[in-house]
């Protein structure tokens, strides 16, 4: 009897894999395990939610249960993998285990948060779940600091500015999109953001964040500091951990 295929993850890659498997085989057992709700949403929409006054639930395109019914799957949302026994072909969580013939890891990437003092005050917008956790703070914030002048940071700066917020965009480099293009090319974007009202802090490095009565104090290595209501990390991605570390 086939033990089927287990996919760990529920993002775009996992869903596309499910669809392609079902084109080839309508009956092989498929199981998806993920730490989130498994509802489908379009991740690029996260860069425009504030100016469009969208809540996290507004982004949902298809509920997990509907996806499971459509493609004949077993889903285990809000489930962290605790261990994988590759020899026995078994995936384990805290209270369940699943046997498999084939295993696919499609966990995606997590937002990188700079290792500075006060890093726990930084917000990330790499998933619907992350936005849901901080949407009230972002909606209420009037002064926003975005750390990272890449594609996502620049898009977020535009979005928050369109929403009428005071926006500061910070990056270590001397120009925006520094890893993608020369300053001569990115200068048009830089001028556009400045014209919109975004305050650019280039060649600037964040040293620490502190909670204050007025909000959050962001101190740079230069010792210059600014007061804001929210700080967003847009400093790239790293490999997402497959399972949560055990306590202690």
Protein backbone atom coordinates (compact mmCIF):
# COMPACT_ATOMS: atom_id res chain seq x y z
CA UNK A 1 0.00 0.00 0.00
CA UNK A 2 1.36 3.40 -0.98
CA UNK A 3 2.22 5.69 1.90
CA UNK A 4 2.15 8.58 -0.52
CA UNK A 5 3.89 11.92 -0.65
CA UNK A 6 4.32 14.37 2.21
CA UNK A 7 4.96 18.04 1.46
CA UNK A 8 6.16 20.26 4.29
CA UNK A 9 5.10 23.82 3.50
CA UNK A 10 2.02 25.48 2.05
CA UNK A 11 3.26 28.37 -0.08
CA UNK A 12 3.30 28.90 -3.83
CA UNK A 13 5.84 26.14 -4.52
CA UNK A 14 3.93 23.58 -2.46
CA UNK A 15 0.63 24.42 -4.15
CA UNK A 16 2.10 24.28 -7.63
CA UNK A 17 3.63 20.91 -6.82
CA UNK A 18 0.25 19.58 -5.65
CA UNK A 19 -1.41 20.73 -8.86
CA UNK A 20 1.25 19.12 -11.03
CA UNK A 21 1.19 15.86 -9.09
CA UNK A 22 -2.57 15.67 -9.48
CA UNK A 23 -2.23 16.15 -13.24
CA UNK A 24 -0.12 12.98 -13.28
CA UNK A 25 -1.83 10.95 -10.56
CA UNK A 26 -5.30 11.61 -9.16
CA UNK A 27 -5.06 8.98 -6.43
CA UNK A 28 -1.60 8.98 -4.81
CA UNK A 29 -2.02 9.99 -1.13
CA UNK A 30 -0.90 13.59 -0.58
CA UNK A 31 -0.32 15.15 2.82
CA UNK A 32 0.63 18.79 3.50
CA UNK A 33 2.05 19.91 6.85
CA UNK A 34 2.68 23.57 7.66
CA UNK A 35 2.99 25.95 10.59
CA UNK A 36 0.49 28.45 9.16
CA UNK A 37 -3.23 28.31 8.34
CA UNK A 38 -2.55 27.02 4.80
CA UNK A 39 -5.01 29.53 3.33
CA UNK A 40 -3.91 30.75 -0.11
CA UNK A 41 -2.92 34.39 -0.66
CA UNK A 42 -0.76 36.33 -3.10
CA UNK A 43 2.44 37.34 -1.29
CA UNK A 44 3.21 40.42 -3.47
CA UNK A 45 -0.08 41.92 -2.22
CA UNK A 46 1.59 42.43 1.16
CA UNK A 47 3.49 45.38 -0.32
CA UNK A 48 0.24 47.30 -0.90
CA UNK A 49 -2.03 46.44 2.03
CA UNK A 50 -1.66 49.68 3.99
CA UNK A 51 -2.53 52.16 1.25
CA UNK A 52 -5.43 49.94 0.17
CA UNK A 53 -6.70 49.61 3.76
CA UNK A 54 -6.70 45.82 3.53
CA UNK A 55 -6.79 43.56 6.54
CA UNK A 56 -4.95 40.25 6.59
CA UNK A 57 -8.12 38.25 6.00
CA UNK A 58 -8.88 40.34 2.89
CA UNK A 59 -5.86 38.75 1.19
CA UNK A 60 -7.23 35.20 1.37
CA UNK A 61 -7.94 33.78 -2.08
CA UNK A 62 -8.85 30.22 -1.12
CA UNK A 63 -9.40 28.61 2.25
CA UNK A 64 -7.27 25.60 3.13
CA UNK A 65 -10.28 23.30 3.34
CA UNK A 66 -11.39 24.24 -0.16
CA UNK A 67 -7.92 23.49 -1.52
CA UNK A 68 -7.89 20.12 0.25
CA UNK A 69 -11.26 19.17 -1.19
CA UNK A 70 -10.35 20.33 -4.69
CA UNK A 71 -7.14 18.28 -4.86
CA UNK A 72 -7.96 15.39 -2.49
CA UNK A 73 -5.37 16.15 0.20
CA UNK A 74 -4.85 15.67 3.89
CA UNK A 75 -3.89 18.98 5.52
CA UNK A 76 -2.31 19.58 8.91
CA UNK A 77 -2.19 23.37 9.47
CA UNK A 78 -0.63 25.10 12.49
CA UNK A 79 1.68 22.09 12.86
CA UNK A 80 5.42 22.26 13.49
CA UNK A 81 7.58 19.32 12.45
CA UNK A 82 9.57 18.01 15.42
CA UNK A 83 11.71 15.41 13.65
CA UNK A 84 12.24 13.52 10.40
CA UNK A 85 13.42 9.91 10.47
CA UNK A 86 14.75 9.54 6.93
CA UNK A 87 15.66 5.87 7.41
CA UNK A 88 12.17 4.91 8.56
CA UNK A 89 10.48 7.42 6.22
CA UNK A 90 8.57 9.06 9.07
CA UNK A 91 7.77 12.71 9.79
CA UNK A 92 6.98 13.53 13.42
CA UNK A 93 5.26 16.45 15.15
CA UNK A 94 4.74 16.85 18.90
CA UNK A 95 1.72 14.53 18.89
CA UNK A 96 1.49 12.90 15.45
CA UNK A 97 3.57 11.01 12.94
CA UNK A 98 3.17 10.27 9.25
CA UNK A 99 4.82 7.66 7.04
CA UNK A 100 5.82 8.53 3.50
CA UNK A 101 7.27 7.14 0.31
CA UNK A 102 8.48 10.54 -0.88
CA UNK A 103 9.12 13.72 1.08
CA UNK A 104 9.29 17.27 -0.27
CA UNK A 105 10.57 20.24 1.75
CA UNK A 106 8.89 23.42 0.50
CA UNK A 107 9.13 25.65 3.56
CA UNK A 108 10.29 28.77 1.72
CA UNK A 109 12.26 31.60 3.28
CA UNK A 110 11.90 33.74 6.39
CA UNK A 111 12.54 37.46 6.78
CA UNK A 112 16.01 38.28 8.10
CA UNK A 113 15.98 40.49 11.19
CA UNK A 114 19.30 42.26 11.91
CA UNK A 115 20.92 41.04 15.16
CA UNK A 116 20.81 44.35 17.01
CA UNK A 117 19.71 45.33 20.50
CA UNK A 118 15.93 45.65 20.52
CA UNK A 119 15.46 43.48 17.43
CA UNK A 120 12.25 42.11 18.98
CA UNK A 121 10.67 45.52 18.25
CA UNK A 122 11.12 45.02 14.49
CA UNK A 123 8.17 43.84 12.42
CA UNK A 124 8.30 41.69 9.30
CA UNK A 125 5.84 41.40 6.42
CA UNK A 126 6.88 38.18 4.73
CA UNK A 127 3.57 36.35 5.16
CA UNK A 128 -0.14 36.84 5.73
CA UNK A 129 0.36 35.45 9.22
CA UNK A 130 3.03 38.05 10.03
CA UNK A 131 0.85 40.86 8.73
CA UNK A 132 -2.09 39.60 10.79
CA UNK A 133 0.07 39.77 13.92
CA UNK A 134 0.99 43.44 13.43
CA UNK A 135 -1.74 44.96 11.25
CA UNK A 136 -3.25 47.04 14.07
CA UNK A 137 0.12 48.55 14.99
CA UNK A 138 0.90 49.35 11.36
CA UNK A 139 -2.51 50.83 10.70
CA UNK A 140 -2.24 53.08 13.78
CA UNK A 141 1.41 54.07 13.25
CA UNK A 142 2.04 57.56 11.91
CA UNK A 143 5.86 57.41 11.81
CA UNK A 144 7.36 54.35 10.14
CA UNK A 145 11.00 53.33 9.73
CA UNK A 146 11.77 50.77 7.03
CA UNK A 147 15.19 49.14 7.29
CA UNK A 148 16.43 47.94 3.91
CA UNK A 149 16.43 49.78 0.58
CA UNK A 150 15.90 46.84 -1.74
CA UNK A 151 12.82 46.04 -3.81
CA UNK A 152 10.56 45.18 -0.88
CA UNK A 153 11.73 48.07 1.28
CA UNK A 154 11.20 50.55 -1.56
CA UNK A 155 7.73 49.17 -2.32
CA UNK A 156 6.75 49.36 1.33
CA UNK A 157 8.04 52.93 1.58
CA UNK A 158 5.80 53.94 -1.34
CA UNK A 159 2.82 52.13 0.14
CA UNK A 160 3.10 53.68 3.60
CA UNK A 161 3.71 57.10 2.08
CA UNK A 162 0.57 56.78 -0.07
CA UNK A 163 -1.31 55.97 3.13
CA UNK A 164 -0.31 59.37 4.52
CA UNK A 165 2.34 58.20 6.97
CA UNK A 166 5.72 59.78 7.68
CA UNK A 167 8.21 57.31 6.23
CA UNK A 168 11.96 56.92 6.69
CA UNK A 169 13.81 54.41 4.51
CA UNK A 170 17.24 53.36 5.74
CA UNK A 171 20.00 51.36 4.06
CA UNK A 172 23.71 50.71 4.61
CA UNK A 173 24.45 51.32 0.93
CA UNK A 174 24.92 54.68 -0.77
CA UNK A 175 21.99 54.07 -3.13
CA UNK A 176 18.74 52.13 -3.31
CA UNK A 177 18.63 48.67 -4.92
CA UNK A 178 22.42 48.60 -4.56
CA UNK A 179 22.68 44.84 -5.06
CA UNK A 180 20.60 44.96 -8.25
CA UNK A 181 21.71 47.99 -10.23
CA UNK A 182 24.19 50.91 -10.31
CA UNK A 183 23.28 54.26 -8.72
CA UNK A 184 22.85 55.84 -12.16
CA UNK A 185 19.88 53.55 -12.76
CA UNK A 186 18.32 53.52 -9.29
CA UNK A 187 18.57 57.32 -8.95
CA UNK A 188 15.19 57.72 -10.67
CA UNK A 189 13.54 55.63 -7.96
CA UNK A 190 15.43 57.57 -5.31
CA UNK A 191 14.17 60.90 -6.68
CA UNK A 192 10.63 59.53 -6.97
CA UNK A 193 10.59 58.44 -3.32
CA UNK A 194 12.01 61.76 -2.20
CA UNK A 195 9.37 63.62 -4.22
CA UNK A 196 6.68 61.52 -2.53
CA UNK A 197 7.98 62.64 0.85
CA UNK A 198 10.02 59.61 1.91
CA UNK A 199 13.03 60.54 4.04
CA UNK A 200 16.07 58.56 2.87
CA UNK A 201 18.84 57.62 5.28
CA UNK A 202 21.50 56.08 3.03
CA UNK A 203 24.97 55.00 4.16
CA UNK A 204 23.33 54.53 7.55
CA UNK A 205 23.43 51.54 9.88
CA UNK A 206 20.95 50.83 12.66
CA UNK A 207 22.58 50.17 16.02
CA UNK A 208 19.70 49.62 18.45
CA UNK A 209 15.99 50.05 19.11
CA UNK A 210 14.46 51.12 22.41
CA UNK A 211 10.86 51.34 23.55
CA UNK A 212 9.95 54.84 24.79
CA UNK A 213 6.81 56.60 25.99
CA UNK A 214 6.56 58.26 22.57
CA UNK A 215 7.04 55.05 20.58
CA UNK A 216 10.36 53.53 19.49
CA UNK A 217 13.74 55.25 19.44
CA UNK A 218 15.97 54.05 16.60
CA UNK A 219 19.65 54.86 17.15
CA UNK A 220 22.15 54.70 14.29
CA UNK A 221 25.83 53.80 14.52
CA UNK A 222 26.47 57.52 13.95
CA UNK A 223 24.51 58.10 17.20
CA UNK A 224 21.82 60.01 15.31
CA UNK A 225 18.39 58.86 16.52
CA UNK A 226 14.79 59.15 15.35
CA UNK A 227 11.48 58.48 17.07
CA UNK A 228 8.99 56.28 15.22
CA UNK A 229 5.88 54.23 15.90
CA UNK A 230 6.87 51.12 13.95
CA UNK A 231 10.04 49.60 12.50
CA UNK A 232 9.88 47.14 9.61
CA UNK A 233 12.76 44.86 8.62
CA UNK A 234 13.12 44.55 4.84
CA UNK A 235 16.70 43.33 4.89
CA UNK A 236 16.37 40.16 2.86
CA UNK A 237 15.53 36.53 3.50
CA UNK A 238 17.12 33.48 5.06
CA UNK A 239 16.30 29.80 5.03
CA UNK A 240 13.20 29.11 7.09
CA UNK A 241 13.78 26.65 9.96
CA UNK A 242 12.12 23.31 9.29
CA UNK A 243 11.14 22.78 12.89
CA UNK A 244 10.95 24.79 16.07
CA UNK A 245 13.77 24.36 18.54
CA UNK A 246 12.86 22.48 21.70
CA UNK A 247 12.58 24.65 24.84
CA UNK A 248 15.56 24.74 27.18
